[in-house]
N, C-alpha and C. Protein backbone atom coordinates (compact mmCIF):
# COMPACT_ATOMS: atom_id res chain seq x y z
N MET A 1 -10.79 -18.64 -3.82
CA MET A 1 -10.03 -17.63 -3.68
C MET A 1 -11.01 -16.88 -5.35
N ASN A 2 -11.13 -15.23 -5.24
CA ASN A 2 -11.96 -14.39 -6.01
C ASN A 2 -11.28 -14.69 -6.90
N HIS A 3 -11.71 -14.53 -8.25
CA HIS A 3 -11.81 -14.58 -9.69
C HIS A 3 -10.64 -13.32 -10.26
N GLN A 4 -9.63 -13.42 -10.70
CA GLN A 4 -8.22 -12.67 -10.92
C GLN A 4 -9.09 -11.78 -11.47
N SER A 5 -9.81 -11.20 -12.59
CA SER A 5 -10.25 -10.46 -13.17
C SER A 5 -11.12 -9.35 -12.01
N GLN A 6 -11.06 -9.51 -10.98
CA GLN A 6 -11.79 -9.22 -9.85
C GLN A 6 -11.08 -8.46 -8.63
N THR A 7 -9.44 -8.87 -8.65
CA THR A 7 -8.27 -8.86 -7.94
C THR A 7 -7.71 -7.54 -8.74
N ALA A 8 -7.04 -6.68 -7.50
CA ALA A 8 -5.91 -6.00 -7.64
C ALA A 8 -5.14 -6.17 -6.82
N LEU A 9 -4.05 -5.23 -7.34
CA LEU A 9 -2.74 -5.22 -5.94
C LEU A 9 -2.21 -3.67 -6.00
N LEU A 10 -2.79 -3.76 -4.52
CA LEU A 10 -2.18 -2.21 -4.09
C LEU A 10 -0.57 -2.01 -3.42
N VAL A 11 -0.11 -1.34 -3.96
CA VAL A 11 1.49 -1.16 -3.79
C VAL A 11 1.19 -0.14 -3.09
N MET A 12 1.75 0.19 -1.28
CA MET A 12 1.02 1.30 -0.50
C MET A 12 2.18 1.99 -0.22
N ASP A 13 2.64 3.13 0.06
CA ASP A 13 3.41 3.91 0.46
C ASP A 13 4.94 3.74 0.31
N VAL A 14 5.23 2.81 -0.94
CA VAL A 14 6.35 2.28 -1.34
C VAL A 14 7.04 3.45 -2.64
N GLN A 15 7.40 4.80 -1.44
CA GLN A 15 7.53 5.98 -1.81
C GLN A 15 8.94 6.24 -1.60
N ASN A 16 9.64 6.94 -1.94
CA ASN A 16 10.65 7.63 -1.72
C ASN A 16 11.41 7.68 0.06
N GLY A 17 10.47 8.98 0.37
CA GLY A 17 10.51 9.59 1.32
C GLY A 17 10.08 8.26 2.51
N ILE A 18 9.59 7.44 2.06
CA ILE A 18 9.27 5.94 3.10
C ILE A 18 9.89 4.97 2.89
N ALA A 19 10.04 4.62 1.90
CA ALA A 19 11.03 3.24 1.48
C ALA A 19 12.46 3.64 1.86
N GLY A 20 13.51 4.64 1.76
CA GLY A 20 14.25 4.73 2.26
C GLY A 20 14.90 4.90 3.88
N ARG A 21 13.28 4.94 4.59
CA ARG A 21 13.62 4.63 5.82
C ARG A 21 13.88 3.17 6.54
N TYR A 22 13.35 2.64 5.52
CA TYR A 22 13.60 1.00 6.04
C TYR A 22 14.39 0.20 5.32
N MET A 23 14.87 0.43 4.64
CA MET A 23 15.95 0.11 3.50
C MET A 23 17.00 -0.24 3.58
N LYS A 24 17.56 -1.56 3.95
CA LYS A 24 18.79 -2.32 4.65
C LYS A 24 19.95 -2.40 3.51
N ASP A 25 19.36 -2.60 2.71
CA ASP A 25 20.36 -2.91 1.26
C ASP A 25 19.23 -3.03 0.57
N GLU A 26 19.80 -3.39 -1.13
CA GLU A 26 19.22 -3.79 -2.37
C GLU A 26 18.43 -4.49 -2.54
N THR A 27 18.14 -5.20 -1.30
CA THR A 27 16.98 -6.59 -1.46
C THR A 27 15.73 -6.52 -0.46
N THR A 28 16.00 -5.17 -0.28
CA THR A 28 14.90 -5.05 1.32
C THR A 28 13.49 -4.91 0.17
N LEU A 29 13.54 -4.30 -0.71
CA LEU A 29 12.45 -4.15 -1.95
C LEU A 29 11.78 -4.97 -2.62
N GLN A 30 12.92 -6.44 -2.69
CA GLN A 30 12.70 -7.65 -4.12
C GLN A 30 10.99 -7.92 -3.38
N PRO A 31 10.90 -8.24 -2.41
CA PRO A 31 9.36 -8.65 -2.35
C PRO A 31 8.52 -8.15 -3.10
N PHE A 32 8.01 -7.01 -3.08
CA PHE A 32 7.52 -5.92 -3.77
C PHE A 32 7.46 -5.91 -4.79
N GLN A 33 8.66 -5.72 -5.57
CA GLN A 33 9.27 -5.99 -6.84
C GLN A 33 8.69 -7.63 -7.65
N ARG A 34 8.79 -8.56 -6.37
CA ARG A 34 8.08 -9.79 -7.03
C ARG A 34 6.55 -9.54 -7.54
N ALA A 35 5.89 -9.03 -6.10
CA ALA A 35 4.40 -8.98 -6.13
C ALA A 35 3.89 -7.99 -8.04
N VAL A 36 4.97 -7.54 -7.81
CA VAL A 36 4.04 -6.75 -8.86
C VAL A 36 4.78 -7.34 -10.23
N ALA A 37 5.37 -7.70 -10.40
CA ALA A 37 6.23 -8.73 -11.57
C ALA A 37 4.67 -9.99 -11.31
N ALA A 38 4.25 -10.27 -10.74
CA ALA A 38 3.34 -11.17 -10.73
C ALA A 38 2.26 -10.79 -10.88
N ALA A 39 1.76 -10.03 -10.33
CA ALA A 39 0.40 -9.31 -10.99
C ALA A 39 -0.05 -8.73 -11.86
N ARG A 40 1.29 -7.81 -12.37
CA ARG A 40 1.54 -8.17 -14.55
C ARG A 40 1.65 -9.30 -15.41
N LYS A 41 2.51 -9.81 -14.80
CA LYS A 41 2.12 -11.22 -15.45
C LYS A 41 0.98 -12.47 -15.82
N ALA A 42 0.29 -12.10 -14.60
CA ALA A 42 -1.60 -12.15 -14.46
C ALA A 42 -1.89 -11.72 -14.99
N GLU A 43 -1.95 -10.37 -15.71
CA GLU A 43 -2.93 -9.56 -15.96
C GLU A 43 -3.91 -8.73 -14.95
N ILE A 44 -3.27 -8.91 -13.64
CA ILE A 44 -3.50 -8.13 -12.35
C ILE A 44 -3.67 -6.79 -12.43
N PRO A 45 -4.60 -5.45 -12.07
CA PRO A 45 -4.14 -4.07 -12.13
C PRO A 45 -3.19 -3.95 -11.19
N VAL A 46 -2.42 -3.06 -11.23
CA VAL A 46 -1.53 -2.79 -10.05
C VAL A 46 -1.83 -1.07 -9.70
N ILE A 47 -1.77 -0.77 -8.23
CA ILE A 47 -2.66 0.28 -8.11
C ILE A 47 -1.20 0.59 -6.86
N PHE A 48 -1.13 2.11 -7.07
CA PHE A 48 -0.02 2.43 -6.21
C PHE A 48 -0.65 3.47 -5.74
N VAL A 49 -0.53 3.48 -4.34
CA VAL A 49 -1.08 4.46 -3.48
C VAL A 49 0.52 5.06 -2.22
N ARG A 50 0.20 6.62 -2.23
CA ARG A 50 1.29 7.22 -1.87
C ARG A 50 0.74 8.32 -1.04
N VAL A 51 1.28 8.85 -0.12
CA VAL A 51 0.53 9.68 0.83
C VAL A 51 1.31 11.10 0.61
N ALA A 52 0.62 11.72 0.30
CA ALA A 52 1.18 13.08 0.09
C ALA A 52 0.64 14.76 0.16
N PHE A 53 0.68 15.42 0.58
CA PHE A 53 -0.22 16.67 0.28
C PHE A 53 -0.14 18.13 -0.05
N SER A 54 -0.78 18.32 0.10
CA SER A 54 -0.80 19.99 -0.94
C SER A 54 -0.26 20.29 -0.60
N GLU A 55 0.40 21.58 -1.70
CA GLU A 55 0.93 22.62 -1.10
C GLU A 55 0.60 23.69 -0.01
N GLY A 56 0.99 24.14 1.10
CA GLY A 56 0.57 24.87 2.21
C GLY A 56 0.10 23.99 3.14
N TYR A 57 0.05 22.55 3.03
CA TYR A 57 -0.57 21.54 3.89
C TYR A 57 -2.21 21.55 4.19
N PRO A 58 -2.82 21.84 3.86
CA PRO A 58 -4.47 22.69 3.94
C PRO A 58 -4.94 20.58 4.63
N GLU A 59 -4.34 19.90 4.31
CA GLU A 59 -4.62 18.81 5.02
C GLU A 59 -4.44 18.53 6.09
N ALA A 60 -3.47 18.79 6.54
CA ALA A 60 -3.04 18.29 7.71
C ALA A 60 -3.49 19.50 8.90
N GLY A 61 -3.97 19.09 10.23
CA GLY A 61 -4.87 19.54 10.65
C GLY A 61 -4.17 19.68 12.19
N PRO A 62 -4.37 20.95 12.73
CA PRO A 62 -3.14 20.92 14.40
C PRO A 62 -3.32 19.64 14.88
N ARG A 63 -4.67 18.81 15.10
CA ARG A 63 -5.08 17.82 16.08
C ARG A 63 -4.52 16.89 15.62
N ASN A 64 -4.20 16.37 14.38
CA ASN A 64 -3.80 15.12 13.97
C ASN A 64 -2.34 14.86 13.94
N LYS A 65 -1.97 14.04 15.15
CA LYS A 65 -0.49 14.05 15.66
C LYS A 65 0.21 13.74 15.23
N MET A 66 0.10 12.98 13.69
CA MET A 66 1.10 11.94 12.57
C MET A 66 1.31 13.43 11.75
N PHE A 67 0.33 13.61 11.25
CA PHE A 67 0.45 14.91 10.07
C PHE A 67 0.92 15.99 11.02
N SER A 68 0.23 16.70 11.74
CA SER A 68 0.66 18.26 11.81
C SER A 68 1.81 18.23 12.01
N HIS A 69 2.90 17.67 12.26
CA HIS A 69 4.45 18.41 12.24
C HIS A 69 4.93 18.78 10.81
N LEU A 70 4.33 18.02 9.73
CA LEU A 70 4.75 18.41 8.31
C LEU A 70 4.55 19.37 7.93
N ALA A 71 3.94 20.65 8.32
CA ALA A 71 4.31 21.70 7.51
C ALA A 71 5.05 22.73 8.28
N GLN A 72 5.30 22.45 9.38
CA GLN A 72 6.56 22.95 9.89
C GLN A 72 7.91 22.43 9.13
N ALA A 73 7.92 20.89 9.10
CA ALA A 73 9.23 20.41 8.40
C ALA A 73 9.36 20.43 6.81
N GLY A 74 8.13 20.76 6.71
CA GLY A 74 8.45 20.92 4.65
C GLY A 74 8.93 19.32 4.44
N GLY A 75 8.54 19.58 2.95
CA GLY A 75 8.63 17.73 2.37
C GLY A 75 7.19 17.20 1.60
N MET A 76 6.97 16.14 1.77
CA MET A 76 6.00 15.18 1.44
C MET A 76 4.92 15.85 0.73
N THR A 77 5.13 16.82 -0.23
CA THR A 77 4.43 17.40 -1.30
C THR A 77 4.10 16.92 -2.27
N VAL A 78 2.99 16.52 -3.18
CA VAL A 78 2.66 15.79 -3.95
C VAL A 78 3.85 16.06 -5.04
N ALA A 79 4.78 17.44 -5.27
CA ALA A 79 5.97 17.72 -6.05
C ALA A 79 6.87 16.97 -5.78
N ASP A 80 6.59 16.78 -4.43
CA ASP A 80 8.18 16.35 -3.74
C ASP A 80 8.72 15.35 -4.24
N VAL A 81 10.25 14.80 -4.01
CA VAL A 81 10.65 13.64 -4.34
C VAL A 81 10.66 12.75 -3.13
N SER A 82 10.31 12.77 -2.30
CA SER A 82 10.06 12.27 -1.17
C SER A 82 7.99 11.53 -1.16
N THR A 83 7.34 11.55 -2.01
CA THR A 83 5.90 11.45 -2.36
C THR A 83 6.10 10.26 -3.56
N GLN A 84 7.58 11.08 -4.20
CA GLN A 84 7.21 9.96 -5.86
C GLN A 84 7.26 8.24 -5.48
N ILE A 85 6.63 7.54 -6.09
CA ILE A 85 6.66 5.59 -5.98
C ILE A 85 8.18 5.40 -6.07
N HIS A 86 8.57 4.80 -5.49
CA HIS A 86 10.40 3.91 -5.28
C HIS A 86 10.79 3.80 -6.50
N GLU A 87 11.38 4.02 -7.01
CA GLU A 87 11.85 3.51 -8.61
C GLU A 87 12.16 2.07 -8.36
N SER A 88 12.47 1.34 -8.13
CA SER A 88 12.22 -0.21 -8.14
C SER A 88 11.10 -0.79 -8.31
N VAL A 89 10.12 0.18 -8.03
CA VAL A 89 8.41 -0.62 -8.02
C VAL A 89 7.88 0.48 -9.40
N LYS A 90 8.87 1.44 -10.10
CA LYS A 90 8.26 2.45 -11.03
C LYS A 90 6.76 1.91 -11.71
N PRO A 91 5.82 2.81 -11.12
CA PRO A 91 4.27 2.28 -11.93
C PRO A 91 5.40 2.80 -14.01
N GLN A 92 3.72 1.42 -14.23
CA GLN A 92 4.27 1.79 -15.71
C GLN A 92 3.20 2.54 -16.36
N SER A 93 2.79 2.74 -17.67
CA SER A 93 1.90 3.73 -18.09
C SER A 93 0.47 2.71 -18.24
N GLY A 94 -0.24 3.73 -17.49
CA GLY A 94 -1.82 3.48 -17.34
C GLY A 94 -2.26 2.45 -16.15
N GLU A 95 -0.83 2.45 -15.09
CA GLU A 95 -0.93 2.41 -14.13
C GLU A 95 -1.65 2.85 -13.09
N PRO A 96 -2.60 2.75 -12.19
CA PRO A 96 -3.01 4.52 -11.27
C PRO A 96 -2.39 4.75 -10.34
N VAL A 97 -1.72 6.32 -10.18
CA VAL A 97 -1.08 6.36 -8.81
C VAL A 97 -2.09 7.25 -7.67
N VAL A 98 -2.37 6.70 -6.87
CA VAL A 98 -3.51 6.91 -6.41
C VAL A 98 -2.72 8.41 -4.78
N THR A 99 -3.11 9.84 -4.51
CA THR A 99 -2.61 10.38 -3.67
C THR A 99 -3.75 10.32 -2.29
N LYS A 100 -3.37 9.69 -1.17
CA LYS A 100 -4.35 9.84 -0.16
C LYS A 100 -3.38 10.59 0.92
N TYR A 101 -4.18 11.28 1.75
CA TYR A 101 -3.88 12.41 2.53
C TYR A 101 -4.20 11.72 4.49
N ARG A 102 -4.10 10.42 4.47
CA ARG A 102 -4.26 9.96 6.22
C ARG A 102 -3.65 8.72 5.74
N VAL A 103 -3.88 7.75 6.74
CA VAL A 103 -3.22 6.24 6.83
C VAL A 103 -3.67 5.68 5.72
N SER A 104 -5.07 5.32 6.24
CA SER A 104 -5.45 4.77 4.71
C SER A 104 -5.42 4.74 3.29
N ALA A 105 -5.55 3.85 2.83
CA ALA A 105 -5.34 3.68 1.45
C ALA A 105 -6.87 4.07 0.91
N PHE A 106 -7.35 4.58 1.15
CA PHE A 106 -8.68 4.96 1.33
C PHE A 106 -9.36 6.52 1.81
N ALA A 107 -8.32 6.84 2.52
CA ALA A 107 -8.45 8.36 3.00
C ALA A 107 -8.35 9.66 2.17
N GLY A 108 -9.36 10.08 2.01
CA GLY A 108 -9.25 10.76 1.11
C GLY A 108 -8.62 11.02 -0.57
N SER A 109 -8.73 9.83 -0.88
CA SER A 109 -8.15 9.58 -2.44
C SER A 109 -9.11 9.34 -3.21
N ASN A 110 -8.96 8.98 -4.55
CA ASN A 110 -10.19 8.13 -5.57
C ASN A 110 -9.75 6.63 -5.82
N LEU A 111 -9.36 5.95 -5.09
CA LEU A 111 -9.19 4.51 -4.69
C LEU A 111 -10.69 3.65 -4.80
N GLU A 112 -11.30 4.08 -4.22
CA GLU A 112 -12.60 3.42 -4.66
C GLU A 112 -13.24 3.07 -5.11
N VAL A 113 -13.08 4.55 -6.45
CA VAL A 113 -14.11 4.92 -7.47
C VAL A 113 -13.19 4.19 -8.77
N ILE A 114 -11.69 4.19 -8.22
CA ILE A 114 -11.11 3.35 -9.29
C ILE A 114 -11.29 1.56 -9.05
N LEU A 115 -11.70 1.32 -7.89
CA LEU A 115 -11.45 0.05 -8.14
C LEU A 115 -12.80 -0.64 -8.11
N ARG A 116 -14.15 0.81 -8.03
CA ARG A 116 -15.58 0.51 -8.49
C ARG A 116 -15.38 0.39 -10.14
N ALA A 117 -14.76 1.36 -10.72
CA ALA A 117 -14.57 0.99 -12.25
C ALA A 117 -14.31 0.38 -12.93
N LYS A 118 -13.21 -0.27 -12.40
CA LYS A 118 -12.97 -1.62 -12.95
C LYS A 118 -13.34 -3.02 -12.25
N GLY A 119 -14.20 -2.97 -11.39
CA GLY A 119 -14.65 -4.23 -10.94
C GLY A 119 -13.94 -5.11 -9.74
N VAL A 120 -13.16 -4.46 -9.18
CA VAL A 120 -12.47 -5.40 -8.07
C VAL A 120 -13.49 -5.55 -7.24
N THR A 121 -12.80 -6.33 -6.62
CA THR A 121 -14.30 -7.01 -5.45
C THR A 121 -12.64 -7.62 -4.00
N HIS A 122 -11.46 -8.04 -4.85
CA HIS A 122 -10.47 -8.36 -4.29
C HIS A 122 -9.31 -8.14 -4.03
N LEU A 123 -8.72 -7.32 -2.83
CA LEU A 123 -7.68 -6.46 -2.86
C LEU A 123 -6.19 -7.78 -2.01
N VAL A 124 -4.97 -7.58 -2.78
CA VAL A 124 -4.08 -8.15 -2.52
C VAL A 124 -2.70 -7.18 -2.25
N LEU A 125 -2.96 -6.57 -0.55
CA LEU A 125 -2.10 -5.64 0.23
C LEU A 125 -0.46 -5.69 -0.14
N CYS A 126 0.37 -5.19 0.54
CA CYS A 126 1.53 -4.81 0.40
C CYS A 126 1.87 -3.41 0.71
N GLY A 127 2.81 -2.90 1.91
CA GLY A 127 3.26 -1.65 1.62
C GLY A 127 3.66 -1.43 2.98
N ILE A 128 4.33 -0.18 3.09
CA ILE A 128 4.93 0.60 4.18
C ILE A 128 4.33 1.33 5.06
N ALA A 129 3.99 1.07 6.03
CA ALA A 129 4.44 0.21 7.08
C ALA A 129 3.11 -0.62 7.49
N THR A 130 3.41 -1.71 7.90
CA THR A 130 2.23 -2.51 8.36
C THR A 130 1.82 -2.37 9.91
N SER A 131 2.09 -1.48 10.63
CA SER A 131 1.38 -0.96 11.53
C SER A 131 0.71 0.14 11.11
N GLY A 132 0.91 0.50 9.95
CA GLY A 132 0.58 2.20 9.35
C GLY A 132 -0.58 1.53 8.09
N VAL A 133 -0.14 1.89 7.31
CA VAL A 133 -1.26 2.06 6.10
C VAL A 133 -1.86 0.69 5.41
N VAL A 134 -0.73 -0.69 6.09
CA VAL A 134 -1.42 -2.14 5.49
C VAL A 134 -2.71 -2.18 6.92
N LEU A 135 -2.54 -1.80 8.36
CA LEU A 135 -3.77 -2.09 9.35
C LEU A 135 -4.91 -1.27 9.23
N SER A 136 -4.38 0.06 8.20
CA SER A 136 -5.70 0.90 8.21
C SER A 136 -6.38 0.51 7.11
N THR A 137 -5.65 0.05 6.40
CA THR A 137 -6.31 -0.22 5.05
C THR A 137 -7.17 -1.78 4.77
N VAL A 138 -6.58 -2.44 6.13
CA VAL A 138 -7.09 -4.26 5.89
C VAL A 138 -8.30 -3.57 6.92
N ARG A 139 -8.24 -2.95 7.79
CA ARG A 139 -9.58 -2.56 8.50
C ARG A 139 -10.97 -1.90 7.45
N GLU A 140 -9.95 -0.86 6.97
CA GLU A 140 -11.82 -0.17 5.79
C GLU A 140 -11.79 -0.70 4.87
N ALA A 141 -10.87 -1.79 3.99
CA ALA A 141 -11.23 -2.74 3.11
C ALA A 141 -11.98 -3.73 3.69
N ALA A 142 -11.71 -4.23 5.02
CA ALA A 142 -12.66 -5.53 5.42
C ALA A 142 -14.59 -5.04 5.49
N ASP A 143 -14.08 -3.61 6.52
CA ASP A 143 -15.31 -2.58 5.96
C ASP A 143 -16.52 -2.25 5.53
N LYS A 144 -15.78 -2.49 4.08
CA LYS A 144 -16.00 -2.06 2.80
C LYS A 144 -16.85 -3.95 2.19
N ASP A 145 -16.89 -4.72 2.81
CA ASP A 145 -16.46 -5.70 2.37
C ASP A 145 -16.10 -6.13 1.34
N TYR A 146 -14.69 -5.82 0.82
CA TYR A 146 -13.88 -6.69 -0.01
C TYR A 146 -12.80 -7.77 0.61
N ALA A 147 -12.61 -8.36 -0.37
CA ALA A 147 -11.69 -9.56 -0.17
C ALA A 147 -10.04 -9.34 -0.15
N LEU A 148 -10.03 -9.89 0.98
CA LEU A 148 -8.28 -9.66 0.97
C LEU A 148 -7.37 -10.64 1.44
N THR A 149 -6.28 -10.22 0.65
CA THR A 149 -4.94 -10.39 1.14
C THR A 149 -4.15 -10.07 1.37
N VAL A 150 -3.16 -10.59 2.13
CA VAL A 150 -1.89 -9.50 3.04
C VAL A 150 -0.69 -10.58 2.51
N LEU A 151 0.50 -9.57 1.84
CA LEU A 151 1.23 -10.60 1.33
C LEU A 151 2.81 -9.98 2.51
N LYS A 152 2.35 -11.04 3.57
CA LYS A 152 3.37 -10.57 4.57
C LYS A 152 4.92 -10.36 4.58
N ASP A 153 5.42 -10.86 3.89
CA ASP A 153 7.26 -10.68 3.37
C ASP A 153 7.10 -9.07 2.54
N ALA A 154 5.82 -8.64 2.09
CA ALA A 154 5.77 -7.79 1.55
C ALA A 154 5.15 -6.44 1.82
N CYS A 155 5.74 -6.44 3.02
CA CYS A 155 4.73 -5.46 4.31
C CYS A 155 6.20 -5.21 5.41
N LEU A 156 6.69 -4.17 5.60
CA LEU A 156 7.80 -3.42 6.56
C LEU A 156 7.36 -2.51 7.77
N ASP A 157 7.98 -2.90 8.53
CA ASP A 157 7.41 -2.10 9.58
C ASP A 157 8.77 -2.22 10.45
N GLY A 158 9.08 -0.82 11.45
CA GLY A 158 10.12 -0.53 11.68
C GLY A 158 9.93 -1.31 13.31
N ASP A 159 8.48 -2.22 13.82
CA ASP A 159 8.79 -2.93 14.93
C ASP A 159 8.46 -4.38 14.83
N PRO A 160 9.63 -5.12 14.23
CA PRO A 160 9.43 -6.83 13.98
C PRO A 160 8.66 -6.99 15.13
N GLU A 161 8.50 -7.11 16.30
CA GLU A 161 7.32 -7.98 16.85
C GLU A 161 5.98 -7.08 16.47
N VAL A 162 5.80 -5.90 16.47
CA VAL A 162 4.16 -5.08 16.04
C VAL A 162 4.37 -6.23 14.36
N HIS A 163 4.97 -6.57 13.59
CA HIS A 163 4.81 -6.79 12.16
C HIS A 163 4.48 -8.11 12.40
N GLN A 164 4.90 -8.82 13.41
CA GLN A 164 4.42 -10.34 13.42
C GLN A 164 3.32 -10.64 14.02
N VAL A 165 2.90 -9.80 14.77
CA VAL A 165 1.78 -9.77 16.04
C VAL A 165 0.24 -9.55 14.99
N LEU A 166 0.44 -8.70 13.60
CA LEU A 166 -0.35 -8.14 13.01
C LEU A 166 -0.31 -9.13 11.92
N VAL A 167 0.59 -9.83 11.30
CA VAL A 167 0.73 -10.85 10.53
C VAL A 167 -0.06 -12.24 10.96
N GLU A 168 0.19 -12.68 11.85
CA GLU A 168 -0.44 -13.80 12.54
C GLU A 168 -1.55 -13.58 13.25
N LYS A 169 -1.75 -12.99 13.61
CA LYS A 169 -2.80 -12.46 14.80
C LYS A 169 -3.97 -11.52 14.67
N VAL A 170 -3.81 -10.67 13.99
CA VAL A 170 -4.83 -9.09 13.63
C VAL A 170 -5.39 -9.85 12.14
N PHE A 171 -4.32 -9.28 11.37
CA PHE A 171 -4.64 -9.43 9.83
C PHE A 171 -5.59 -11.43 9.71
N PRO A 172 -5.34 -12.11 9.97
CA PRO A 172 -6.32 -13.56 9.59
C PRO A 172 -7.79 -13.47 10.34
N ARG A 173 -7.85 -12.78 10.65
CA ARG A 173 -9.18 -12.23 11.40
C ARG A 173 -9.57 -11.70 9.83
N GLN A 174 -9.48 -11.17 9.21
CA GLN A 174 -10.18 -10.25 8.16
C GLN A 174 -9.41 -10.14 6.66
N ALA A 175 -8.31 -11.15 6.65
CA ALA A 175 -7.73 -11.65 5.38
C ALA A 175 -6.75 -12.58 5.15
N ASP A 176 -6.77 -12.91 4.32
CA ASP A 176 -5.71 -14.12 4.21
C ASP A 176 -4.39 -13.55 3.98
N VAL A 177 -3.63 -14.08 4.72
CA VAL A 177 -1.78 -13.65 5.08
C VAL A 177 -0.71 -15.03 4.65
N MET A 178 -0.12 -14.36 2.96
CA MET A 178 0.28 -15.69 2.63
C MET A 178 2.24 -15.13 2.10
N THR A 179 2.44 -15.29 1.98
CA THR A 179 3.91 -14.72 0.88
C THR A 179 3.79 -14.63 -0.04
N VAL A 180 4.67 -13.78 -0.62
CA VAL A 180 4.91 -13.39 -2.39
C VAL A 180 4.65 -14.60 -2.93
N ASP A 181 5.40 -15.40 -2.72
CA ASP A 181 5.52 -16.10 -3.62
C ASP A 181 4.23 -17.52 -3.46
N GLU A 182 3.82 -17.63 -2.39
CA GLU A 182 2.59 -18.40 -2.07
C GLU A 182 1.49 -18.05 -2.74
N TRP A 183 1.61 -16.13 -3.05
CA TRP A 183 0.30 -15.49 -4.04
C TRP A 183 0.38 -16.63 -5.25
N ALA A 184 1.66 -15.86 -5.51
CA ALA A 184 2.11 -15.98 -6.90
C ALA A 184 1.81 -17.54 -7.64
N HIS A 185 1.80 -18.50 -6.78
CA HIS A 185 1.45 -19.79 -7.46
C HIS A 185 0.16 -19.92 -6.95
N THR A 186 -0.79 -19.34 -6.43
CA THR A 186 -2.19 -19.22 -7.02
C THR A 186 -2.78 -18.49 -8.01
N LEU A 187 -1.79 -17.98 -9.07
CA LEU A 187 -2.06 -17.28 -10.06
C LEU A 187 -1.99 -18.11 -11.26
N VAL A 188 -0.73 -19.36 -11.05
CA VAL A 188 -0.54 -19.69 -12.30
C VAL A 188 -2.23 -21.09 -12.77
């Protein structure tokens, strides 16, 4: 396990417009809250990542199947309520909120600059959805030689079977996969 001072927790796409679609009740986001609390207690930087677009959607090209409909649908701009970090895991003063323009946390964002400035070599990932931002970020971060941990109970996906395949078969090839509580115990 990497030294804690070189570790950062990425809380990805836990924003109003996305978290709301996955919330069954007030307990849904508790694993995310526990992860954030454990990181803060251990003085591990917490970095929030959100997907949002500029006014007029210049980043959403017509060939992008996932995002091209946004220009017509509206919402999801940087100022829109849907792109703000969910209140249950609200960033504290000094905790960066990174805006990305695609699925991976690195896509079009200043995340890598922040990680370099902080000397981070180990990323702990949680987010919504497992098959979206988590998968894309695991792949890209592994290619960038980051050590990785995925907090499997702080990842949500609309398809439980896809979530299970990713955390049990795909992610372990490139990351340590554990629960929030298992990870928190490594920080003591």
